[in-house]
C-alpha atoms as a PDB file:
ATOM      1  CA  UNK A   1     -25.192 -18.607   1.460  1.00  0.00           C
ATOM      2  CA  UNK A   2     -24.340 -17.476   5.146  1.00  0.00           C
ATOM      3  CA  UNK A   3     -21.483 -15.077   6.002  1.00  0.00           C
ATOM      4  CA  UNK A   4     -19.939 -17.643   8.344  1.00  0.00           C
ATOM      5  CA  UNK A   5     -19.613 -20.374   5.271  1.00  0.00           C
ATOM      6  CA  UNK A   6     -18.412 -17.179   2.522  1.00  0.00           C
ATOM      7  CA  UNK A   7     -14.227 -16.467   2.629  1.00  0.00           C
ATOM      8  CA  UNK A   8     -13.687 -13.378   4.636  1.00  0.00           C
ATOM      9  CA  UNK A   9     -11.560 -11.190   2.738  1.00  0.00           C
ATOM     10  CA  UNK A  10      -9.474  -8.209   4.463  1.00  0.00           C
ATOM     11  CA  UNK A  11      -8.903  -4.997   3.047  1.00  0.00           C
ATOM     12  CA  UNK A  12      -5.398  -2.683   4.304  1.00  0.00           C
ATOM     13  CA  UNK A  13      -5.463   0.645   2.633  1.00  0.00           C
ATOM     14  CA  UNK A  14      -3.447   3.862   3.570  1.00  0.00           C
ATOM     15  CA  UNK A  15      -0.760   6.000   1.816  1.00  0.00           C
ATOM     16  CA  UNK A  16       2.473   5.193   0.375  1.00  0.00           C
ATOM     17  CA  UNK A  17       4.787   4.484   3.338  1.00  0.00           C
ATOM     18  CA  UNK A  18       2.451   4.221   6.090  1.00  0.00           C
ATOM     19  CA  UNK A  19       3.800   1.174   6.876  1.00  0.00           C
ATOM     20  CA  UNK A  20       0.813  -1.471   5.147  1.00  0.00           C
ATOM     21  CA  UNK A  21       3.694  -4.110   3.321  1.00  0.00           C
ATOM     22  CA  UNK A  22       5.390  -4.017   6.612  1.00  0.00           C
ATOM     23  CA  UNK A  23       1.819  -4.829   8.265  1.00  0.00           C
ATOM     24  CA  UNK A  24       1.312  -7.946   5.739  1.00  0.00           C
ATOM     25  CA  UNK A  25       4.388  -9.348   5.992  1.00  0.00           C
ATOM     26  CA  UNK A  26       4.372  -9.881  10.080  1.00  0.00           C
ATOM     27  CA  UNK A  27       0.499 -11.112   9.506  1.00  0.00           C
ATOM     28  CA  UNK A  28       1.657 -13.701   7.415  1.00  0.00           C
ATOM     29  CA  UNK A  29       4.810 -14.843   8.763  1.00  0.00           C
ATOM     30  CA  UNK A  30       2.432 -15.095  12.126  1.00  0.00           C
ATOM     31  CA  UNK A  31      -0.362 -16.848  10.254  1.00  0.00           C
ATOM     32  CA  UNK A  32      -1.181 -19.743  12.804  1.00  0.00           C
ATOM     33  CA  UNK A  33      -2.274 -22.358   9.367  1.00  0.00           C
ATOM     34  CA  UNK A  34      -4.407 -19.954   7.823  1.00  0.00           C
ATOM     35  CA  UNK A  35      -3.995 -20.218   3.961  1.00  0.00           C
ATOM     36  CA  UNK A  36      -3.753 -17.070   2.958  1.00  0.00           C
ATOM     37  CA  UNK A  37      -3.936 -15.069  -0.444  1.00  0.00           C
ATOM     38  CA  UNK A  38      -2.677 -11.820  -1.008  1.00  0.00           C
ATOM     39  CA  UNK A  39      -3.731  -9.399  -3.661  1.00  0.00           C
ATOM     40  CA  UNK A  40      -1.462  -6.886  -3.918  1.00  0.00           C
ATOM     41  CA  UNK A  41      -2.049  -3.205  -6.073  1.00  0.00           C
ATOM     42  CA  UNK A  42       1.271  -1.897  -7.059  1.00  0.00           C
ATOM     43  CA  UNK A  43       1.926   1.764  -8.162  1.00  0.00           C
ATOM     44  CA  UNK A  44       4.295   1.529 -10.756  1.00  0.00           C
ATOM     45  CA  UNK A  45       5.812  -0.944 -13.304  1.00  0.00           C
ATOM     46  CA  UNK A  46       7.945  -3.336 -10.753  1.00  0.00           C
ATOM     47  CA  UNK A  47       6.361  -5.861  -8.226  1.00  0.00           C
ATOM     48  CA  UNK A  48       8.240  -4.067  -5.345  1.00  0.00           C
ATOM     49  CA  UNK A  49       5.625  -4.308  -2.666  1.00  0.00           C
ATOM     50  CA  UNK A  50       4.915  -8.121  -3.891  1.00  0.00           C
ATOM     51  CA  UNK A  51       8.417  -9.278  -4.173  1.00  0.00           C
ATOM     52  CA  UNK A  52       8.304  -8.323  -0.542  1.00  0.00           C
ATOM     53  CA  UNK A  53       5.709 -10.135   0.312  1.00  0.00           C
ATOM     54  CA  UNK A  54       6.737 -13.558  -1.417  1.00  0.00           C
ATOM     55  CA  UNK A  55       9.636 -15.786  -0.591  1.00  0.00           C
ATOM     56  CA  UNK A  56       8.030 -15.596   3.210  1.00  0.00           C
ATOM     57  CA  UNK A  57       9.094 -19.829   3.483  1.00  0.00           C
ATOM     58  CA  UNK A  58       5.753 -19.936   4.371  1.00  0.00           C
ATOM     59  CA  UNK A  59       3.929 -22.924   3.073  1.00  0.00           C
ATOM     60  CA  UNK A  60       0.626 -21.895   4.274  1.00  0.00           C
ATOM     61  CA  UNK A  61       1.095 -18.540   1.797  1.00  0.00           C
ATOM     62  CA  UNK A  62       2.941 -19.931  -1.193  1.00  0.00           C
ATOM     63  CA  UNK A  63       4.337 -17.597  -3.968  1.00  0.00           C
ATOM     64  CA  UNK A  64       1.774 -18.339  -6.435  1.00  0.00           C
ATOM     65  CA  UNK A  65      -0.950 -17.037  -3.936  1.00  0.00           C
ATOM     66  CA  UNK A  66       0.700 -13.512  -4.288  1.00  0.00           C
ATOM     67  CA  UNK A  67      -1.052 -11.655  -6.481  1.00  0.00           C
ATOM     68  CA  UNK A  68       0.143  -8.464  -8.410  1.00  0.00           C
ATOM     69  CA  UNK A  69      -2.487  -6.333 -10.418  1.00  0.00           C
ATOM     70  CA  UNK A  70      -0.401  -3.223 -10.891  1.00  0.00           C
ATOM     71  CA  UNK A  71      -2.487  -1.487 -14.080  1.00  0.00           C
ATOM     72  CA  UNK A  72      -3.699   1.852 -11.668  1.00  0.00           C
ATOM     73  CA  UNK A  73      -5.849   1.736  -8.829  1.00  0.00           C
ATOM     74  CA  UNK A  74      -7.377  -0.748  -7.905  1.00  0.00           C
ATOM     75  CA  UNK A  75     -10.489   1.284  -6.843  1.00  0.00           C
ATOM     76  CA  UNK A  76     -10.737   2.439 -10.533  1.00  0.00           C
ATOM     77  CA  UNK A  77      -9.940  -1.045 -12.070  1.00  0.00           C
ATOM     78  CA  UNK A  78     -12.261  -3.117 -10.424  1.00  0.00           C
ATOM     79  CA  UNK A  79     -14.005  -4.856 -13.510  1.00  0.00           C
ATOM     80  CA  UNK A  80     -10.896  -5.437 -15.682  1.00  0.00           C
ATOM     81  CA  UNK A  81      -8.285  -6.112 -12.727  1.00  0.00           C
ATOM     82  CA  UNK A  82     -10.100  -7.358  -9.332  1.00  0.00           C
ATOM     83  CA  UNK A  83     -13.250  -8.889 -10.279  1.00  0.00           C
ATOM     84  CA  UNK A  84     -11.486 -11.619 -12.430  1.00  0.00           C
ATOM     85  CA  UNK A  85      -8.512 -12.058  -9.523  1.00  0.00           C
ATOM     86  CA  UNK A  86     -11.145 -12.937  -7.455  1.00  0.00           C
ATOM     87  CA  UNK A  87     -13.197 -15.136  -9.345  1.00  0.00           C
ATOM     88  CA  UNK A  88      -9.991 -16.616 -10.231  1.00  0.00           C
ATOM     89  CA  UNK A  89      -9.035 -17.189  -6.411  1.00  0.00           C
ATOM     90  CA  UNK A  90     -12.598 -18.096  -5.361  1.00  0.00           C
ATOM     91  CA  UNK A  91     -12.552 -21.170  -7.967  1.00  0.00           C
ATOM     92  CA  UNK A  92      -9.189 -22.329  -6.028  1.00  0.00           C
ATOM     93  CA  UNK A  93      -8.683 -25.633  -5.196  1.00  0.00           C
ATOM     94  CA  UNK A  94      -8.244 -25.507  -1.720  1.00  0.00           C
ATOM     95  CA  UNK A  95      -9.813 -22.434  -0.917  1.00  0.00           C
ATOM     96  CA  UNK A  96      -7.898 -19.943   0.665  1.00  0.00           C
ATOM     97  CA  UNK A  97      -8.603 -19.619   4.611  1.00  0.00           C
ATOM     98  CA  UNK A  98      -8.740 -15.489   4.063  1.00  0.00           C
ATOM     99  CA  UNK A  99      -7.565 -13.196   1.352  1.00  0.00           C
ATOM    100  CA  UNK A 100      -5.494 -10.099   2.030  1.00  0.00           C
ATOM    101  CA  UNK A 101      -6.119  -6.892  -0.182  1.00  0.00           C
ATOM    102  CA  UNK A 102      -3.309  -4.441   0.343  1.00  0.00           C
ATOM    103  CA  UNK A 103      -4.603  -1.224  -2.530  1.00  0.00           C
ATOM    104  CA  UNK A 104      -2.251   1.371  -3.483  1.00  0.00           C
ATOM    105  CA  UNK A 105      -2.271   4.309  -1.354  1.00  0.00           C
ATOM    106  CA  UNK A 106      -5.062   6.282  -3.900  1.00  0.00           C
ATOM    107  CA  UNK A 107      -7.126   3.959  -3.596  1.00  0.00           C
ATOM    108  CA  UNK A 108     -11.131   4.337  -2.109  1.00  0.00           C
ATOM    109  CA  UNK A 109     -12.613   1.566  -0.021  1.00  0.00           C
ATOM    110  CA  UNK A 110     -15.951   1.742  -1.016  1.00  0.00           C
ATOM    111  CA  UNK A 111     -15.515   0.874  -4.708  1.00  0.00           C
ATOM    112  CA  UNK A 112     -13.850  -2.222  -4.084  1.00  0.00           C
ATOM    113  CA  UNK A 113     -16.255  -2.701  -0.843  1.00  0.00           C
ATOM    114  CA  UNK A 114     -19.067  -2.588  -3.149  1.00  0.00           C
ATOM    115  CA  UNK A 115     -17.277  -4.993  -5.838  1.00  0.00           C
ATOM    116  CA  UNK A 116     -17.693  -7.780  -3.146  1.00  0.00           C
ATOM    117  CA  UNK A 117     -21.876  -7.645  -4.457  1.00  0.00           C
ATOM    118  CA  UNK A 118     -20.565  -8.417  -8.189  1.00  0.00           C
ATOM    119  CA  UNK A 119     -22.941 -11.911  -8.746  1.00  0.00           C
ATOM    120  CA  UNK A 120     -20.066 -14.203  -8.324  1.00  0.00           C
ATOM    121  CA  UNK A 121     -18.432 -12.896  -5.711  1.00  0.00           C
ATOM    122  CA  UNK A 122     -21.289 -11.924  -3.438  1.00  0.00           C
ATOM    123  CA  UNK A 123     -22.247 -15.781  -2.766  1.00  0.00           C
ATOM    124  CA  UNK A 124     -18.319 -17.098  -1.729  1.00  0.00           C
ATOM    125  CA  UNK A 125     -16.577 -13.773  -0.401  1.00  0.00           C
ATOM    126  CA  UNK A 126     -17.399 -11.306   2.299  1.00  0.00           C
ATOM    127  CA  UNK A 127     -15.337  -7.963   3.194  1.00  0.00           C
ATOM    128  CA  UNK A 128     -14.164  -9.388   7.168  1.00  0.00           C
ATOM    129  CA  UNK A 129     -12.749  -6.069   7.743  1.00  0.00           C
ATOM    130  CA  UNK A 130     -11.213  -2.751   6.725  1.00  0.00           C
ATOM    131  CA  UNK A 131      -7.761  -1.722   7.745  1.00  0.00           C
ATOM    132  CA  UNK A 132      -6.780   1.990   7.374  1.00  0.00           C
ATOM    133  CA  UNK A 133      -2.999   1.779   8.326  1.00  0.00           C
ATOM    134  CA  UNK A 134      -1.760   5.986   9.415  1.00  0.00           C
ATOM    135  CA  UNK A 135       1.398   7.007  10.040  1.00  0.00           C
ATOM    136  CA  UNK A 136       1.721   7.678  13.160  1.00  0.00           C
ATOM    137  CA  UNK A 137       4.696  10.244  13.037  1.00  0.00           C
ATOM    138  CA  UNK A 138       3.812  12.311   9.679  1.00  0.00           C
ATOM    139  CA  UNK A 139       0.396  13.014  11.810  1.00  0.00           C
ATOM    140  CA  UNK A 140       2.609  14.198  14.822  1.00  0.00           C
ATOM    141  CA  UNK A 141       4.043  16.423  12.815  1.00  0.00           C
ATOM    142  CA  UNK A 142       0.553  17.676  11.132  1.00  0.00           C
ATOM    143  CA  UNK A 143       0.524  15.862   8.036  1.00  0.00           C
ATOM    144  CA  UNK A 144      -1.711  12.956   6.910  1.00  0.00           C
ATOM    145  CA  UNK A 145       1.014  12.240   4.547  1.00  0.00           C
ATOM    146  CA  UNK A 146       4.935  12.450   3.397  1.00  0.00           C
ATOM    147  CA  UNK A 147       3.929  15.683   1.911  1.00  0.00           C
ATOM    148  CA  UNK A 148       0.616  16.769   1.167  1.00  0.00           C
ATOM    149  CA  UNK A 149       1.100  20.306   1.205  1.00  0.00           C
ATOM    150  CA  UNK A 150       3.115  19.841  -2.305  1.00  0.00           C
ATOM    151  CA  UNK A 151       0.460  17.286  -3.934  1.00  0.00           C
ATOM    152  CA  UNK A 152      -1.851  19.812  -3.033  1.00  0.00           C
ATOM    153  CA  UNK A 153      -0.676  22.906  -4.824  1.00  0.00           C
ATOM    154  CA  UNK A 154      -0.260  20.332  -7.864  1.00  0.00           C
ATOM    155  CA  UNK A 155      -3.969  19.007  -7.588  1.00  0.00           C
ATOM    156  CA  UNK A 156      -4.893  22.427  -7.605  1.00  0.00           C
ATOM    157  CA  UNK A 157      -3.028  24.057 -10.770  1.00  0.00           C
ATOM    158  CA  UNK A 158      -4.144  21.243 -12.493  1.00  0.00           C
ATOM    159  CA  UNK A 159      -7.135  22.327 -14.962  1.00  0.00           C
ATOM    160  CA  UNK A 160      -8.027  19.330 -16.533  1.00  0.00           C
ATOM    161  CA  UNK A 161      -9.272  17.112 -13.150  1.00  0.00           C
ATOM    162  CA  UNK A 162     -12.946  17.035 -13.640  1.00  0.00           C
ATOM    163  CA  UNK A 163     -13.055  16.216  -9.773  1.00  0.00           C
ATOM    164  CA  UNK A 164     -11.027  17.480  -6.324  1.00  0.00           C
ATOM    165  CA  UNK A 165      -9.724  14.390  -4.870  1.00  0.00           C
ATOM    166  CA  UNK A 166      -7.530  16.415  -2.173  1.00  0.00           C
ATOM    167  CA  UNK A 167      -5.446  14.402  -0.071  1.00  0.00           C
ATOM    168  CA  UNK A 168      -7.184  15.141   3.467  1.00  0.00           C
ATOM    169  CA  UNK A 169     -10.182  13.459   1.476  1.00  0.00           C
ATOM    170  CA  UNK A 170      -8.559  10.259   0.624  1.00  0.00           C
ATOM    171  CA  UNK A 171      -7.604  10.473   4.455  1.00  0.00           C
ATOM    172  CA  UNK A 172     -10.816  11.056   5.675  1.00  0.00           C
ATOM    173  CA  UNK A 173     -12.345   8.402   2.978  1.00  0.00           C
ATOM    174  CA  UNK A 174      -9.915   5.804   4.140  1.00  0.00           C
ATOM    175  CA  UNK A 175     -10.508   6.323   7.968  1.00  0.00           C
ATOM    176  CA  UNK A 176     -14.277   6.826   7.484  1.00  0.00           C
ATOM    177  CA  UNK A 177     -14.371   3.289   6.192  1.00  0.00           C
ATOM    178  CA  UNK A 178     -12.717   1.426   7.956  1.00  0.00           C
ATOM    179  CA  UNK A 179     -12.969  -1.155  11.154  1.00  0.00           C
ATOM    180  CA  UNK A 180      -9.802  -0.523  12.492  1.00  0.00           C
ATOM    181  CA  UNK A 181      -7.190   1.677  12.105  1.00  0.00           C
ATOM    182  CA  UNK A 182      -3.474   0.774  13.075  1.00  0.00           C
ATOM    183  CA  UNK A 183      -0.733   3.731  14.315  1.00  0.00           C
ATOM    184  CA  UNK A 184       2.270   3.164  12.583  1.00  0.00           C
ATOM    185  CA  UNK A 185       5.898   4.032  13.464  1.00  0.00           C
ATOM    186  CA  UNK A 186       4.896   4.835  16.969  1.00  0.00           C
ATOM    187  CA  UNK A 187       8.515   4.247  18.383  1.00  0.00           C
ATOM    188  CA  UNK A 188       9.240   7.243  17.029  1.00  0.00           C
ATOM    189  CA  UNK A 189       6.996   9.116  18.987  1.00  0.00           C
ATOM    190  CA  UNK A 190       6.617  10.547  22.729  1.00  0.00           C
ATOM    191  CA  UNK A 191       3.311  10.617  24.411  1.00  0.00           C
ATOM    192  CA  UNK A 192       3.137  13.814  23.292  1.00  0.00           C
ATOM    193  CA  UNK A 193       3.503  13.016  19.572  1.00  0.00           C
ATOM    194  CA  UNK A 194       1.494  10.512  19.986  1.00  0.00           C
ATOM    195  CA  UNK A 195      -1.474  12.171  21.269  1.00  0.00           C
ATOM    196  CA  UNK A 196      -1.448  14.530  18.629  1.00  0.00           C
ATOM    197  CA  UNK A 197      -1.666  11.410  15.786  1.00  0.00           C
ATOM    198  CA  UNK A 198      -5.029   9.964  17.513  1.00  0.00           C
ATOM    199  CA  UNK A 199      -6.295  13.809  17.659  1.00  0.00           C
ATOM    200  CA  UNK A 200      -5.882  13.894  13.822  1.00  0.00           C
ATOM    201  CA  UNK A 201      -7.751  10.671  13.152  1.00  0.00           C
ATOM    202  CA  UNK A 202     -10.861  11.221  16.265  1.00  0.00           C
ATOM    203  CA  UNK A 203     -12.713  13.359  14.017  1.00  0.00           C
ATOM    204  CA  UNK A 204     -13.012  11.117  11.039  1.00  0.00           C
ATOM    205  CA  UNK A 205     -13.630   8.079  13.023  1.00  0.00           C
ATOM    206  CA  UNK A 206     -16.914   5.881  12.929  1.00  0.00           C
ATOM    207  CA  UNK A 207     -17.674   5.438  16.750  1.00  0.00           C
ATOM    208  CA  UNK A 208     -17.222   1.507  16.452  1.00  0.00           C
ATOM    209  CA  UNK A 209     -13.836   1.607  14.617  1.00  0.00           C
ATOM    210  CA  UNK A 210     -11.274   0.517  17.043  1.00  0.00           C
ATOM    211  CA  UNK A 211      -6.999   2.474  16.786  1.00  0.00           C
ATOM    212  CA  UNK A 212      -4.317   0.462  17.629  1.00  0.00           C
ATOM    213  CA  UNK A 213      -0.637   1.612  17.897  1.00  0.00           C
ATOM    214  CA  UNK A 214       1.907  -0.373  16.153  1.00  0.00           C
ATOM    215  CA  UNK A 215       5.733  -0.484  15.638  1.00  0.00           C
ATOM    216  CA  UNK A 216       7.329  -2.403  12.878  1.00  0.00           C
ATOM    217  CA  UNK A 217       3.659  -3.617  11.605  1.00  0.00           C
ATOM    218  CA  UNK A 218       3.676  -6.514  14.747  1.00  0.00           C
ATOM    219  CA  UNK A 219       0.091  -6.606  15.319  1.00  0.00           C
ATOM    220  CA  UNK A 220      -1.237  -9.727  16.003  1.00  0.00           C
ATOM    221  CA  UNK A 221      -3.230 -11.206  13.486  1.00  0.00           C
ATOM    222  CA  UNK A 222      -6.178 -12.357  16.149  1.00  0.00           C
ATOM    223  CA  UNK A 223      -6.552  -8.501  15.837  1.00  0.00           C
ATOM    224  CA  UNK A 224      -6.980  -7.966  12.487  1.00  0.00           C
ATOM    225  CA  UNK A 225      -8.812 -11.233  11.338  1.00  0.00           C
ATOM    226  CA  UNK A 226     -12.061 -12.282  11.900  1.00  0.00           C
ATOM    227  CA  UNK A 227     -13.686  -9.014  12.656  1.00  0.00           C
ATOM    228  CA  UNK A 228     -16.955 -10.463  11.030  1.00  0.00           C
ATOM    229  CA  UNK A 229     -17.832  -7.031   9.964  1.00  0.00           C
ATOM    230  CA  UNK A 230     -19.471  -8.474   6.474  1.00  0.00           C
ATOM    231  CA  UNK A 231     -19.009  -4.656   5.067  1.00  0.00           C
ATOM    232  CA  UNK A 232     -20.653  -5.161   1.971  1.00  0.00           C
ATOM    233  CA  UNK A 233     -24.180  -4.924   3.738  1.00  0.00           C
ATOM    234  CA  UNK A 234     -23.308  -1.612   5.708  1.00  0.00           C
ATOM    235  CA  UNK A 235     -21.837   0.589   3.258  1.00  0.00           C
ATOM    236  CA  UNK A 236     -24.428   3.010   3.798  1.00  0.00           C
ATOM    237  CA  UNK A 237     -22.960   3.691   7.144  1.00  0.00           C
ATOM    238  CA  UNK A 238     -19.370   4.935   5.772  1.00  0.00           C
ATOM    239  CA  UNK A 239     -19.310   7.995   3.826  1.00  0.00           C
ATOM    240  CA  UNK A 240     -17.453   9.431   1.281  1.00  0.00           C
ATOM    241  CA  UNK A 241     -16.533  12.591  -0.180  1.00  0.00           C
ATOM    242  CA  UNK A 242     -16.696  10.663  -3.351  1.00  0.00           C
ATOM    243  CA  UNK A 243     -20.210   8.942  -3.155  1.00  0.00           C
ATOM    244  CA  UNK A 244     -22.094   9.400  -6.344  1.00  0.00           C
ATOM    245  CA  UNK A 245     -18.986   9.806  -8.536  1.00  0.00           C
ATOM    246  CA  UNK A 246     -17.328   8.187 -10.904  1.00  0.00           C
ATOM    247  CA  UNK A 247     -14.468   5.704 -10.828  1.00  0.00           C
ATOM    248  CA  UNK A 248     -12.309   7.966 -13.221  1.00  0.00           C
ATOM    249  CA  UNK A 249     -12.847  11.057 -10.737  1.00  0.00           C
ATOM    250  CA  UNK A 250     -10.378  10.375  -8.304  1.00  0.00           C
ATOM    251  CA  UNK A 251      -7.757  12.812 -10.031  1.00  0.00           C
ATOM    252  CA  UNK A 252      -4.842   9.909  -9.603  1.00  0.00           C
ATOM    253  CA  UNK A 253      -3.411  11.588 -12.612  1.00  0.00           C
ATOM    254  CA  UNK A 254      -1.447  13.776  -9.981  1.00  0.00           C
ATOM    255  CA  UNK A 255       1.225  11.106  -9.681  1.00  0.00           C
ATOM    256  CA  UNK A 256       3.916  10.130 -11.951  1.00  0.00           C
ATOM    257  CA  UNK A 257       5.744   6.971 -11.398  1.00  0.00           C
ATOM    258  CA  UNK A 258       9.171   5.322 -13.748  1.00  0.00           C
ATOM    259  CA  UNK A 259      11.533   2.617 -12.778  1.00  0.00           C
ATOM    260  CA  UNK A 260      15.297   3.789 -12.763  1.00  0.00           C
ATOM    261  CA  UNK A 261      18.175   0.835 -13.752  1.00  0.00           C
ATOM    262  CA  UNK A 262      21.074   1.313 -11.448  1.00  0.00           C
ATOM    263  CA  UNK A 263      24.668   0.245 -12.538  1.00  0.00           C
ATOM    264  CA  UNK A 264      26.664  -2.258 -10.838  1.00  0.00           C
ATOM    265  CA  UNK A 265      28.601  -1.872  -8.069  1.00  0.00           C
ATOM    266  CA  UNK A 266      26.851   0.842  -6.409  1.00  0.00           C
ATOM    267  CA  UNK A 267      27.273   0.605  -2.395  1.00  0.00           C
ATOM    268  CA  UNK A 268      24.526   0.984   0.547  1.00  0.00           C
ATOM    269  CA  UNK A 269      26.018   4.617   1.363  1.00  0.00           C
ATOM    270  CA  UNK A 270      25.924   6.065  -2.358  1.00  0.00           C
ATOM    271  CA  UNK A 271      22.676   4.938  -2.832  1.00  0.00           C
ATOM    272  CA  UNK A 272      21.906   6.649   0.366  1.00  0.00           C
ATOM    273  CA  UNK A 273      23.308   9.753  -0.783  1.00  0.00           C
ATOM    274  CA  UNK A 274      22.003   9.738  -4.016  1.00  0.00           C
ATOM    275  CA  UNK A 275      18.562   9.023  -3.437  1.00  0.00           C
ATOM    276  CA  UNK A 276      18.738  11.709  -0.331  1.00  0.00           C
ATOM    277  CA  UNK A 277      20.108  14.462  -2.773  1.00  0.00           C
ATOM    278  CA  UNK A 278      17.530  13.525  -5.433  1.00  0.00           C
ATOM    279  CA  UNK A 279      14.757  13.435  -2.993  1.00  0.00           C
ATOM    280  CA  UNK A 280      15.558  17.468  -1.665  1.00  0.00           C
ATOM    281  CA  UNK A 281      16.137  18.347  -5.522  1.00  0.00           C
ATOM    282  CA  UNK A 282      12.829  16.812  -7.072  1.00  0.00           C
ATOM    283  CA  UNK A 283       9.483  16.584  -5.452  1.00  0.00           C
ATOM    284  CA  UNK A 284       9.885  12.695  -5.170  1.00  0.00           C
ATOM    285  CA  UNK A 285       7.490  10.970  -2.823  1.00  0.00           C
ATOM    286  CA  UNK A 286       9.069   7.613  -2.894  1.00  0.00           C
ATOM    287  CA  UNK A 287      11.834   5.348  -3.399  1.00  0.00           C
ATOM    288  CA  UNK A 288      11.296   1.855  -3.414  1.00  0.00           C
ATOM    289  CA  UNK A 289      12.963  -1.159  -5.409  1.00  0.00           C
ATOM    290  CA  UNK A 290      15.993  -3.753  -5.287  1.00  0.00           C
ATOM    291  CA  UNK A 291      19.799  -3.157  -5.517  1.00  0.00           C
ATOM    292  CA  UNK A 292      22.682  -5.899  -5.761  1.00  0.00           C
ATOM    293  CA  UNK A 293      25.574  -5.016  -4.270  1.00  0.00           C
ATOM    294  CA  UNK A 294      29.080  -5.612  -5.308  1.00  0.00           C
ATOM    295  CA  UNK A 295      30.542  -8.929  -3.558  1.00  0.00           C
ATOM    296  CA  UNK A 296      27.441  -9.103  -1.191  1.00  0.00           C
ATOM    297  CA  UNK A 297      25.271 -12.303  -1.540  1.00  0.00           C
ATOM    298  CA  UNK A 298      21.916 -10.716  -0.384  1.00  0.00           C
ATOM    299  CA  UNK A 299      19.380  -8.531  -2.076  1.00  0.00           C
ATOM    300  CA  UNK A 300      19.361  -5.257  -0.669  1.00  0.00           C
ATOM    301  CA  UNK A 301      15.968  -4.131  -0.189  1.00  0.00           C
ATOM    302  CA  UNK A 302      15.636   0.391  -0.695  1.00  0.00           C
ATOM    303  CA  UNK A 303      12.509   1.832   0.945  1.00  0.00           C
ATOM    304  CA  UNK A 304      12.044   5.468   1.251  1.00  0.00           C
ATOM    305  CA  UNK A 305       9.348   7.428   1.709  1.00  0.00           C
ATOM    306  CA  UNK A 306      10.308  11.531   1.377  1.00  0.00           C
ATOM    307  CA  UNK A 307      13.316  11.863   3.420  1.00  0.00           C
ATOM    308  CA  UNK A 308      13.198   9.009   5.546  1.00  0.00           C
ATOM    309  CA  UNK A 309      15.327   6.391   3.930  1.00  0.00           C
ATOM    310  CA  UNK A 310      15.503   2.636   4.901  1.00  0.00           C
ATOM    311  CA  UNK A 311      17.864   0.048   3.648  1.00  0.00           C
ATOM    312  CA  UNK A 312      18.309  -3.821   4.590  1.00  0.00           C
ATOM    313  CA  UNK A 313      19.466  -7.148   3.292  1.00  0.00           C
ATOM    314  CA  UNK A 314      16.348  -9.314   3.282  1.00  0.00           C
ATOM    315  CA  UNK A 315      17.353 -12.461   1.463  1.00  0.00           C
ATOM    316  CA  UNK A 316      20.142 -14.239  -1.058  1.00  0.00           C
ATOM    317  CA  UNK A 317      19.904 -13.747  -4.408  1.00  0.00           C
ATOM    318  CA  UNK A 318      18.449 -16.874  -5.916  1.00  0.00           C
ATOM    319  CA  UNK A 319      20.482 -19.420  -8.166  1.00  0.00           C
ATOM    320  CA  UNK A 320      19.576 -18.382 -11.980  1.00  0.00           C
ATOM    321  CA  UNK A 321      18.044 -14.838 -10.626  1.00  0.00           C
ATOM    322  CA  UNK A 322      18.994 -11.994 -12.507  1.00  0.00           C
ATOM    323  CA  UNK A 323      20.981  -9.324  -9.954  1.00  0.00           C
ATOM    324  CA  UNK A 324      19.821  -6.716 -11.295  1.00  0.00           C
ATOM    325  CA  UNK A 325      19.400  -2.632  -9.560  1.00  0.00           C
ATOM    326  CA  UNK A 326      16.103  -1.312 -10.273  1.00  0.00           C
ATOM    327  CA  UNK A 327      14.283   1.185  -7.924  1.00  0.00           C
ATOM    328  CA  UNK A 328      10.498   2.671  -8.350  1.00  0.00           C
ATOM    329  CA  UNK A 329      10.367   6.124  -8.047  1.00  0.00           C
ATOM    330  CA  UNK A 330       6.882   8.036  -7.783  1.00  0.00           C
ATOM    331  CA  UNK A 331       6.452  11.816  -7.530  1.00  0.00           C
ATOM    332  CA  UNK A 332       4.190  15.131  -8.172  1.00  0.00           C
ATOM    333  CA  UNK A 333       3.286  14.828 -12.034  1.00  0.00           C
ATOM    334  CA  UNK A 334       5.431  16.214 -14.108  1.00  0.00           C
ATOM    335  CA  UNK A 335       8.388  14.511 -12.231  1.00  0.00           C
ATOM    336  CA  UNK A 336      11.545  14.949 -14.709  1.00  0.00           C
ATOM    337  CA  UNK A 337      12.413  11.294 -14.962  1.00  0.00           C
ATOM    338  CA  UNK A 338      15.391  11.874 -16.936  1.00  0.00           C
ATOM    339  CA  UNK A 339      17.043  14.458 -14.487  1.00  0.00           C
ATOM    340  CA  UNK A 340      15.873  12.056 -11.231  1.00  0.00           C
ATOM    341  CA  UNK A 341      17.686   8.416 -13.151  1.00  0.00           C
ATOM    342  CA  UNK A 342      20.568  10.842 -13.449  1.00  0.00           C
ATOM    343  CA  UNK A 343      20.893  12.414  -9.557  1.00  0.00           C
ATOM    344  CA  UNK A 344      20.500   8.029  -8.667  1.00  0.00           C
ATOM    345  CA  UNK A 345      23.099   7.487 -10.799  1.00  0.00           C
ATOM    346  CA  UNK A 346      21.404   5.460 -13.235  1.00  0.00           C
ATOM    347  CA  UNK A 347      18.552   5.356 -16.376  1.00  0.00           C
ATOM    348  CA  UNK A 348      15.087   5.113 -16.733  1.00  0.00           C
ATOM    349  CA  UNK A 349      14.069   1.528 -17.230  1.00  0.00           C
ATOM    350  CA  UNK A 350      12.456   1.141 -21.405  1.00  0.00           C
END
C-alpha cells in the first residue's frame, strides 16, 4: 500500500505547559472538514487534556474520537496501550482522515514512530510528521522547561535510575526527531527574547526542520497537516540520546502525580492565591483541572506551569454532570501530596 493511501498521523510532542493542547484545540476547530481522531497521553489520573479537547462541537471530531491513554508515558506502553488503540482506530468506519497523537511531556518520539512498523499498523497508517512544541518564554529565560534545574538535581540524587534521562536530553531528542518546531508564547517576548529562543533550539535541528512562531496555538492546519514525511521510513536520520536503550530506561519515575479534590464554594481568586502559595513552597511543575465556582453555571479551567497560572470559563456544566472540583498536580518525585492538598484547601483523591 502506498504512503498516499495510508491514514496520516501527526505526533505532537513537548514538555508540560509548552502549549500542545492549545495548539491541537485550535487545529480541530479549524480542520476544514477533515475527520480527526485524537490520542491523548495523559500524565495523571484525571483526563484534563482530553476533556479540554472534547466538547468542541465539531462534527468531524466527536467526543468518541478523543481517546485518552493514562497508564503512563506513551513511549513506554506502546505494546499495551498505543498499538491496540491504533488498531481499533484503523478498523473504524468511517475511517478518520487524520490521527493526532499528543504525547506526555516525558515521551521520546522515536519509540512511538517505530511502533508504526507493527504489522497491523504499517500497511494502514503513516507518520505524516512529528511536531515539537517548545515554550518560547522559558527558552528566552535559558530554560527548556519550567524548572529543569530542580528536576536535574532530583534525578541526579536518584541512584535507582538505570539510565540518565536529563531534561536537556529529552528536549534534544524531541527536537532531533521533529519535522516542525512550534515556538509558543511569542506574544510574551520582545525581539531579543525571541532571538534567544531560536538560538536555544537551532543546534538540535535537522537541516530540513521548519520553525514556526505562534501565540495562543494559532497555527494554520494547512501548515501542520499534510507534511508527508513518512517518518517511520526516515527514522535512521533522527538521532537520539536513547538509541539502543530499553523502553523502561527513561527515568520517568522522577515525577509524582496525584489528584486534589477541592471543596465547593472556592472563588477563582482564592484558588489562584492557594496555587501560587503552594507552588512557592513545594516542587510543583504543573497544576491543571476543572473547578465548580458557586453561582457560576460555567466550568472554570485552571492551568498552571510553575508560577504562571491561567484561568478561564470554558463551557456550562452539562445536565446531569457532576460539578466536581479536581486538580491534577505534577511535581518532583517525593512531593508531599498531603501537604500540597492542605495548601490548596482540599484533600487527595482516593
